[in-house]
Amino acid sequence: MSVLIRVLFLHLENSPKQEAGISEGQGTAGEEEEKKKQKRGGRGQIKQKKKTVPQKVTIAKIPRAKKKYVTRVCGLATFEIDLREAQRFFAQKLSCGASVTGEDEIIIQGDFTDDIIDVIQEKWPEVSIWNLCIYRSKLLKQLLPC
């Protein structure tokens, strides 16, 4: 057993690190300093790219009960519009009830698909007519999750 320990001790003494003149303590400290300092022409910090979400506002007329409908507006958050402010504006301008139901969804009580286009363009001119999608179908409640 003692012979095995002596062989291991001799092997550690003749390691390549000591032959090159670098001790174990100095090698790790030198490596840490090199990691901290940025070399000239280095990459620096890598910035993550933002996910590009298509800027599109969808307006859908959804049946509720018998001849009653609600209007769903999705996608205003992609234009950095505050949904609570938009909800209050729609309720006041259209004289109806409106609520924010999802992270990017406003439900307006009543069929206001035609009126909402004019109201959006009047209040937020950065939302152009080409960014609006209008859906009018009875099956939209099941088909479009938003």
N, C-alpha and C. Protein backbone atom coordinates (compact mmCIF):
# COMPACT_ATOMS: atom_id res chain seq x y z
N MET A 1 0.81 -1.18 0.00
CA MET A 1 0.00 0.00 0.00
C MET A 1 0.86 1.26 0.00
N SER A 2 1.90 1.26 0.78
CA SER A 2 2.78 2.43 0.86
C SER A 2 3.53 2.63 -0.45
N VAL A 3 3.77 1.55 -1.19
CA VAL A 3 4.44 1.67 -2.48
C VAL A 3 3.55 2.43 -3.46
N LEU A 4 2.24 2.16 -3.44
CA LEU A 4 1.29 2.83 -4.31
C LEU A 4 1.22 4.32 -4.01
N ILE A 5 1.27 4.70 -2.74
CA ILE A 5 1.23 6.10 -2.34
C ILE A 5 2.49 6.81 -2.82
N ARG A 6 3.66 6.15 -2.73
CA ARG A 6 4.90 6.75 -3.17
C ARG A 6 4.90 6.98 -4.68
N VAL A 7 4.32 6.02 -5.43
CA VAL A 7 4.26 6.16 -6.88
C VAL A 7 3.38 7.36 -7.25
N LEU A 8 2.24 7.50 -6.60
CA LEU A 8 1.35 8.63 -6.86
C LEU A 8 2.02 9.96 -6.50
N PHE A 9 2.76 9.98 -5.38
CA PHE A 9 3.45 11.18 -4.95
C PHE A 9 4.52 11.59 -5.97
N LEU A 10 5.27 10.62 -6.47
CA LEU A 10 6.29 10.90 -7.48
C LEU A 10 5.66 11.38 -8.78
N HIS A 11 4.52 10.80 -9.12
CA HIS A 11 3.82 11.21 -10.35
C HIS A 11 3.33 12.66 -10.26
N LEU A 12 2.83 13.04 -9.08
CA LEU A 12 2.36 14.41 -8.90
C LEU A 12 3.53 15.41 -8.90
N GLU A 13 4.66 15.01 -8.39
CA GLU A 13 5.81 15.91 -8.39
C GLU A 13 6.31 16.20 -9.79
N ASN A 14 6.22 15.24 -10.67
CA ASN A 14 6.73 15.39 -12.03
C ASN A 14 5.62 15.76 -13.02
N SER A 15 4.61 16.47 -12.55
CA SER A 15 3.51 16.86 -13.44
C SER A 15 3.98 17.92 -14.42
N PRO A 16 3.34 18.04 -15.59
CA PRO A 16 3.75 19.01 -16.60
C PRO A 16 3.63 20.46 -16.13
N LYS A 17 2.77 20.78 -15.19
CA LYS A 17 2.62 22.15 -14.72
C LYS A 17 3.89 22.63 -14.04
N GLN A 18 4.48 21.79 -13.23
CA GLN A 18 5.67 22.19 -12.52
C GLN A 18 6.88 22.25 -13.45
N GLU A 19 6.89 21.43 -14.47
CA GLU A 19 8.00 21.47 -15.41
C GLU A 19 8.00 22.78 -16.19
N ALA A 20 6.82 23.32 -16.47
CA ALA A 20 6.74 24.57 -17.22
C ALA A 20 7.02 25.77 -16.33
N GLY A 21 7.07 25.59 -15.01
CA GLY A 21 7.39 26.69 -14.11
C GLY A 21 6.15 27.40 -13.59
N ILE A 22 4.98 26.81 -13.72
CA ILE A 22 3.73 27.42 -13.24
C ILE A 22 3.21 26.57 -12.10
N SER A 23 3.01 27.17 -10.97
CA SER A 23 2.43 26.43 -9.86
C SER A 23 0.91 26.46 -9.99
N GLU A 24 0.28 25.58 -9.25
CA GLU A 24 -1.18 25.46 -9.38
C GLU A 24 -1.90 26.71 -8.91
N GLY A 25 -1.45 27.35 -7.86
CA GLY A 25 -2.10 28.54 -7.34
C GLY A 25 -1.97 29.72 -8.28
N GLN A 26 -0.82 29.89 -8.90
CA GLN A 26 -0.62 31.01 -9.80
C GLN A 26 -1.39 30.83 -11.10
N GLY A 27 -1.52 29.62 -11.58
CA GLY A 27 -2.19 29.36 -12.85
C GLY A 27 -3.67 29.72 -12.80
N THR A 28 -4.35 29.39 -11.74
CA THR A 28 -5.78 29.68 -11.65
C THR A 28 -6.03 31.17 -11.45
N ALA A 29 -5.17 31.83 -10.69
CA ALA A 29 -5.34 33.27 -10.47
C ALA A 29 -5.10 34.03 -11.76
N GLY A 30 -4.10 33.61 -12.53
CA GLY A 30 -3.81 34.26 -13.81
C GLY A 30 -4.93 34.07 -14.80
N GLU A 31 -5.52 32.89 -14.78
CA GLU A 31 -6.64 32.63 -15.69
C GLU A 31 -7.86 33.47 -15.33
N GLU A 32 -8.09 33.67 -14.02
CA GLU A 32 -9.24 34.48 -13.60
C GLU A 32 -9.06 35.94 -14.02
N GLU A 33 -7.82 36.45 -13.93
CA GLU A 33 -7.57 37.83 -14.35
C GLU A 33 -7.79 38.01 -15.84
N GLU A 34 -7.38 36.99 -16.62
CA GLU A 34 -7.59 37.07 -18.06
C GLU A 34 -9.07 37.05 -18.41
N LYS A 35 -9.85 36.30 -17.66
CA LYS A 35 -11.29 36.24 -17.93
C LYS A 35 -11.95 37.57 -17.60
N LYS A 36 -11.50 38.24 -16.55
CA LYS A 36 -12.10 39.50 -16.14
C LYS A 36 -11.82 40.61 -17.15
N LYS A 37 -10.58 40.64 -17.67
CA LYS A 37 -10.21 41.69 -18.60
C LYS A 37 -10.69 41.34 -20.01
N GLN A 38 -11.22 42.31 -20.68
CA GLN A 38 -11.63 42.10 -22.06
C GLN A 38 -10.46 42.44 -22.96
N LYS A 39 -10.14 41.53 -23.83
CA LYS A 39 -9.03 41.77 -24.75
C LYS A 39 -9.48 42.75 -25.82
N ARG A 40 -8.53 43.43 -26.39
CA ARG A 40 -8.84 44.43 -27.40
C ARG A 40 -9.44 43.77 -28.63
N GLY A 41 -10.53 44.33 -29.11
CA GLY A 41 -11.20 43.79 -30.29
C GLY A 41 -12.09 42.60 -29.97
N GLY A 42 -12.36 42.41 -28.68
CA GLY A 42 -13.20 41.28 -28.29
C GLY A 42 -14.66 41.53 -28.59
N ARG A 43 -15.46 40.54 -28.37
CA ARG A 43 -16.88 40.63 -28.68
C ARG A 43 -17.66 41.42 -27.65
N GLY A 44 -17.16 41.50 -26.43
CA GLY A 44 -17.90 42.22 -25.40
C GLY A 44 -19.11 41.42 -24.97
N GLN A 45 -20.12 42.09 -24.51
CA GLN A 45 -21.33 41.40 -24.08
C GLN A 45 -22.21 41.13 -25.28
N ILE A 46 -22.77 39.96 -25.30
CA ILE A 46 -23.66 39.57 -26.40
C ILE A 46 -25.07 39.99 -26.04
N LYS A 47 -25.68 40.79 -26.89
CA LYS A 47 -27.05 41.26 -26.66
C LYS A 47 -28.02 40.31 -27.31
N GLN A 48 -29.08 40.00 -26.60
CA GLN A 48 -30.10 39.12 -27.15
C GLN A 48 -31.03 39.93 -28.05
N LYS A 49 -31.40 39.32 -29.15
CA LYS A 49 -32.30 39.98 -30.08
C LYS A 49 -33.73 39.89 -29.56
N LYS A 50 -34.47 40.96 -29.76
CA LYS A 50 -35.88 40.96 -29.38
C LYS A 50 -36.67 40.18 -30.41
N LYS A 51 -37.65 39.46 -29.92
CA LYS A 51 -38.51 38.72 -30.84
C LYS A 51 -39.41 39.71 -31.56
N THR A 52 -39.47 39.58 -32.84
CA THR A 52 -40.31 40.49 -33.62
C THR A 52 -41.70 39.87 -33.76
N VAL A 53 -42.65 40.54 -33.18
CA VAL A 53 -44.04 40.12 -33.26
C VAL A 53 -44.69 40.96 -34.35
N PRO A 54 -45.41 40.35 -35.27
CA PRO A 54 -46.04 41.16 -36.32
C PRO A 54 -47.05 42.13 -35.71
N GLN A 55 -46.98 43.38 -36.14
CA GLN A 55 -47.88 44.39 -35.63
C GLN A 55 -49.18 44.31 -36.42
N LYS A 56 -50.18 43.70 -35.78
CA LYS A 56 -51.46 43.51 -36.44
C LYS A 56 -52.55 43.59 -35.39
N VAL A 57 -53.58 44.36 -35.67
CA VAL A 57 -54.72 44.48 -34.77
C VAL A 57 -55.87 43.70 -35.39
N THR A 58 -56.41 42.74 -34.63
CA THR A 58 -57.54 41.97 -35.14
C THR A 58 -58.81 42.42 -34.43
N ILE A 59 -59.84 42.61 -35.22
CA ILE A 59 -61.15 43.01 -34.71
C ILE A 59 -62.12 41.91 -35.11
N ALA A 60 -62.78 41.30 -34.13
CA ALA A 60 -63.67 40.18 -34.42
C ALA A 60 -65.03 40.40 -33.77
N LYS A 61 -66.07 40.04 -34.51
CA LYS A 61 -67.44 40.11 -34.01
C LYS A 61 -67.82 38.68 -33.58
N ILE A 62 -68.09 38.50 -32.30
CA ILE A 62 -68.35 37.17 -31.75
C ILE A 62 -69.78 37.11 -31.22
N PRO A 63 -70.54 36.08 -31.61
CA PRO A 63 -71.91 35.95 -31.08
C PRO A 63 -71.91 35.57 -29.61
N ARG A 64 -72.89 36.13 -28.88
CA ARG A 64 -72.98 35.86 -27.46
C ARG A 64 -74.22 35.04 -27.15
N ALA A 65 -75.38 35.62 -27.34
CA ALA A 65 -76.63 34.91 -27.11
C ALA A 65 -77.70 35.49 -28.03
N LYS A 66 -78.38 34.61 -28.75
CA LYS A 66 -79.42 34.98 -29.72
C LYS A 66 -78.92 36.04 -30.69
N LYS A 67 -79.36 37.30 -30.55
CA LYS A 67 -78.97 38.35 -31.49
C LYS A 67 -77.96 39.32 -30.88
N LYS A 68 -77.29 38.89 -29.84
CA LYS A 68 -76.34 39.78 -29.16
C LYS A 68 -74.91 39.39 -29.55
N TYR A 69 -74.05 40.40 -29.63
CA TYR A 69 -72.66 40.18 -30.04
C TYR A 69 -71.72 40.95 -29.14
N VAL A 70 -70.47 40.52 -29.12
CA VAL A 70 -69.40 41.27 -28.50
C VAL A 70 -68.31 41.46 -29.55
N THR A 71 -67.55 42.53 -29.41
CA THR A 71 -66.46 42.82 -30.33
C THR A 71 -65.15 42.63 -29.59
N ARG A 72 -64.27 41.82 -30.17
CA ARG A 72 -62.97 41.55 -29.55
C ARG A 72 -61.87 42.27 -30.34
N VAL A 73 -61.04 43.03 -29.63
CA VAL A 73 -59.92 43.76 -30.23
C VAL A 73 -58.63 43.18 -29.64
N CYS A 74 -57.79 42.63 -30.50
CA CYS A 74 -56.52 42.04 -30.08
C CYS A 74 -55.38 42.70 -30.84
N GLY A 75 -54.22 42.80 -30.21
CA GLY A 75 -53.03 43.28 -30.90
C GLY A 75 -52.67 44.73 -30.65
N LEU A 76 -53.38 45.42 -29.80
CA LEU A 76 -53.03 46.82 -29.53
C LEU A 76 -51.73 46.93 -28.73
N ALA A 77 -51.39 45.90 -27.98
CA ALA A 77 -50.17 45.94 -27.18
C ALA A 77 -48.92 45.88 -28.05
N THR A 78 -49.03 45.37 -29.28
CA THR A 78 -47.87 45.33 -30.17
C THR A 78 -47.47 46.74 -30.62
N PHE A 79 -48.39 47.68 -30.55
CA PHE A 79 -48.10 49.08 -30.87
C PHE A 79 -47.78 49.88 -29.61
N GLU A 80 -47.56 49.19 -28.49
CA GLU A 80 -47.25 49.79 -27.19
C GLU A 80 -48.34 50.75 -26.73
N ILE A 81 -49.57 50.32 -26.88
CA ILE A 81 -50.73 51.08 -26.42
C ILE A 81 -51.18 50.48 -25.09
N ASP A 82 -51.42 51.32 -24.11
CA ASP A 82 -51.88 50.86 -22.80
C ASP A 82 -53.31 50.34 -22.94
N LEU A 83 -53.52 49.08 -22.56
CA LEU A 83 -54.83 48.45 -22.75
C LEU A 83 -55.89 49.03 -21.82
N ARG A 84 -55.50 49.40 -20.60
CA ARG A 84 -56.48 49.98 -19.68
C ARG A 84 -56.96 51.33 -20.21
N GLU A 85 -56.05 52.11 -20.75
CA GLU A 85 -56.43 53.41 -21.31
C GLU A 85 -57.32 53.20 -22.55
N ALA A 86 -56.99 52.23 -23.38
CA ALA A 86 -57.78 51.96 -24.57
C ALA A 86 -59.17 51.46 -24.18
N GLN A 87 -59.24 50.64 -23.16
CA GLN A 87 -60.54 50.12 -22.70
C GLN A 87 -61.44 51.26 -22.22
N ARG A 88 -60.89 52.18 -21.45
CA ARG A 88 -61.67 53.32 -20.97
C ARG A 88 -62.11 54.22 -22.13
N PHE A 89 -61.20 54.40 -23.10
CA PHE A 89 -61.52 55.24 -24.24
C PHE A 89 -62.65 54.64 -25.07
N PHE A 90 -62.59 53.31 -25.31
CA PHE A 90 -63.65 52.64 -26.08
C PHE A 90 -64.98 52.71 -25.36
N ALA A 91 -64.97 52.48 -24.05
CA ALA A 91 -66.22 52.53 -23.28
C ALA A 91 -66.84 53.92 -23.31
N GLN A 92 -66.02 54.94 -23.23
CA GLN A 92 -66.54 56.31 -23.23
C GLN A 92 -66.99 56.73 -24.63
N LYS A 93 -66.20 56.42 -25.63
CA LYS A 93 -66.48 56.88 -26.99
C LYS A 93 -67.69 56.15 -27.59
N LEU A 94 -67.80 54.84 -27.31
CA LEU A 94 -68.88 54.04 -27.90
C LEU A 94 -70.08 53.88 -26.98
N SER A 95 -70.02 54.42 -25.78
CA SER A 95 -71.11 54.33 -24.79
C SER A 95 -71.55 52.89 -24.56
N CYS A 96 -70.60 52.08 -24.17
CA CYS A 96 -70.88 50.66 -23.91
C CYS A 96 -69.91 50.15 -22.86
N GLY A 97 -70.08 48.89 -22.49
CA GLY A 97 -69.17 48.27 -21.54
C GLY A 97 -67.97 47.68 -22.26
N ALA A 98 -66.80 47.81 -21.66
CA ALA A 98 -65.58 47.24 -22.24
C ALA A 98 -64.70 46.75 -21.11
N SER A 99 -63.93 45.68 -21.38
CA SER A 99 -63.06 45.14 -20.35
C SER A 99 -61.82 44.52 -20.99
N VAL A 100 -60.74 44.53 -20.22
CA VAL A 100 -59.51 43.87 -20.64
C VAL A 100 -59.57 42.46 -20.09
N THR A 101 -59.56 41.45 -20.97
CA THR A 101 -59.71 40.07 -20.52
C THR A 101 -58.43 39.26 -20.61
N GLY A 102 -57.56 39.58 -21.53
CA GLY A 102 -56.31 38.84 -21.66
C GLY A 102 -55.14 39.79 -21.62
N GLU A 103 -53.95 39.26 -21.89
CA GLU A 103 -52.79 40.12 -21.87
C GLU A 103 -52.75 41.04 -23.08
N ASP A 104 -53.53 40.71 -24.12
CA ASP A 104 -53.58 41.57 -25.32
C ASP A 104 -54.97 41.50 -25.93
N GLU A 105 -56.00 41.61 -25.10
CA GLU A 105 -57.37 41.44 -25.60
C GLU A 105 -58.32 42.37 -24.86
N ILE A 106 -59.18 43.05 -25.64
CA ILE A 106 -60.22 43.91 -25.08
C ILE A 106 -61.55 43.44 -25.63
N ILE A 107 -62.52 43.22 -24.75
CA ILE A 107 -63.87 42.80 -25.15
C ILE A 107 -64.79 44.01 -24.98
N ILE A 108 -65.53 44.34 -26.06
CA ILE A 108 -66.48 45.45 -26.06
C ILE A 108 -67.88 44.88 -26.24
N GLN A 109 -68.80 45.27 -25.41
CA GLN A 109 -70.16 44.75 -25.49
C GLN A 109 -70.91 45.42 -26.63
N GLY A 110 -71.32 44.62 -27.59
CA GLY A 110 -72.06 45.13 -28.74
C GLY A 110 -71.27 44.94 -30.03
N ASP A 111 -71.97 45.14 -31.15
CA ASP A 111 -71.34 44.99 -32.46
C ASP A 111 -70.83 46.36 -32.91
N PHE A 112 -69.55 46.62 -32.71
CA PHE A 112 -68.95 47.89 -33.07
C PHE A 112 -67.78 47.71 -34.04
N THR A 113 -67.86 46.71 -34.90
CA THR A 113 -66.73 46.44 -35.79
C THR A 113 -66.48 47.60 -36.75
N ASP A 114 -67.53 48.24 -37.26
CA ASP A 114 -67.34 49.36 -38.18
C ASP A 114 -66.87 50.62 -37.46
N ASP A 115 -67.44 50.88 -36.30
CA ASP A 115 -67.11 52.09 -35.56
C ASP A 115 -65.69 52.04 -34.98
N ILE A 116 -65.26 50.84 -34.60
CA ILE A 116 -63.98 50.72 -33.91
C ILE A 116 -62.80 51.07 -34.83
N ILE A 117 -62.96 50.86 -36.12
CA ILE A 117 -61.90 51.18 -37.08
C ILE A 117 -61.63 52.68 -37.08
N ASP A 118 -62.70 53.46 -37.16
CA ASP A 118 -62.56 54.92 -37.14
C ASP A 118 -62.00 55.42 -35.81
N VAL A 119 -62.45 54.82 -34.72
CA VAL A 119 -62.02 55.26 -33.39
C VAL A 119 -60.53 54.97 -33.20
N ILE A 120 -60.07 53.80 -33.63
CA ILE A 120 -58.65 53.44 -33.48
C ILE A 120 -57.77 54.37 -34.29
N GLN A 121 -58.17 54.65 -35.53
CA GLN A 121 -57.36 55.51 -36.38
C GLN A 121 -57.36 56.96 -35.90
N GLU A 122 -58.45 57.37 -35.29
CA GLU A 122 -58.52 58.73 -34.77
C GLU A 122 -57.63 58.91 -33.53
N LYS A 123 -57.69 57.96 -32.64
CA LYS A 123 -56.94 58.07 -31.38
C LYS A 123 -55.46 57.72 -31.55
N TRP A 124 -55.16 56.65 -32.30
CA TRP A 124 -53.79 56.18 -32.48
C TRP A 124 -53.45 56.16 -33.97
N PRO A 125 -52.89 57.23 -34.50
CA PRO A 125 -52.59 57.29 -35.94
C PRO A 125 -51.48 56.34 -36.38
N GLU A 126 -50.67 55.80 -35.43
CA GLU A 126 -49.63 54.87 -35.83
C GLU A 126 -50.18 53.51 -36.27
N VAL A 127 -51.45 53.25 -35.93
CA VAL A 127 -52.11 52.02 -36.40
C VAL A 127 -52.78 52.36 -37.73
N SER A 128 -52.20 51.88 -38.80
CA SER A 128 -52.75 52.20 -40.12
C SER A 128 -53.84 51.21 -40.51
N ILE A 129 -54.53 51.51 -41.58
CA ILE A 129 -55.61 50.64 -42.07
C ILE A 129 -55.06 49.29 -42.52
N TRP A 130 -53.79 49.26 -42.91
CA TRP A 130 -53.18 48.01 -43.40
C TRP A 130 -52.84 47.07 -42.26
N ASN A 131 -52.83 47.57 -41.03
CA ASN A 131 -52.53 46.74 -39.87
C ASN A 131 -53.79 46.20 -39.20
N LEU A 132 -54.96 46.47 -39.77
CA LEU A 132 -56.22 46.02 -39.19
C LEU A 132 -56.74 44.79 -39.94
N CYS A 133 -57.16 43.79 -39.18
CA CYS A 133 -57.82 42.60 -39.75
C CYS A 133 -59.19 42.49 -39.11
N ILE A 134 -60.22 42.38 -39.94
CA ILE A 134 -61.60 42.34 -39.45
C ILE A 134 -62.19 40.98 -39.77
N TYR A 135 -62.72 40.31 -38.74
CA TYR A 135 -63.35 39.00 -38.91
C TYR A 135 -64.81 39.10 -38.48
N ARG A 136 -65.69 38.60 -39.33
CA ARG A 136 -67.13 38.56 -39.00
C ARG A 136 -67.64 37.16 -39.31
N SER A 137 -67.74 36.35 -38.30
CA SER A 137 -68.18 34.98 -38.49
C SER A 137 -68.85 34.49 -37.21
N LYS A 138 -69.74 33.53 -37.38
CA LYS A 138 -70.41 32.97 -36.22
C LYS A 138 -69.54 31.94 -35.51
N LEU A 139 -68.54 31.40 -36.18
CA LEU A 139 -67.70 30.38 -35.59
C LEU A 139 -66.43 30.94 -34.96
N LEU A 140 -66.28 32.24 -34.92
CA LEU A 140 -65.06 32.83 -34.41
C LEU A 140 -64.81 32.56 -32.93
N LYS A 141 -65.84 32.33 -32.17
CA LYS A 141 -65.66 32.11 -30.75
C LYS A 141 -64.80 30.87 -30.51
N GLN A 142 -64.97 29.86 -31.38
CA GLN A 142 -64.20 28.63 -31.23
C GLN A 142 -62.89 28.70 -32.02
N LEU A 143 -62.87 29.41 -33.15
CA LEU A 143 -61.73 29.35 -34.04
C LEU A 143 -60.56 30.24 -33.64
N LEU A 144 -60.83 31.46 -33.23
CA LEU A 144 -59.76 32.42 -32.98
C LEU A 144 -59.47 32.56 -31.48
N PRO A 145 -58.35 32.04 -31.03
CA PRO A 145 -58.01 32.24 -29.64
C PRO A 145 -57.45 33.62 -29.36
N CYS A 146 -57.08 34.36 -30.38
CA CYS A 146 -56.60 35.73 -30.35
C CYS A 146 -55.17 35.82 -30.70
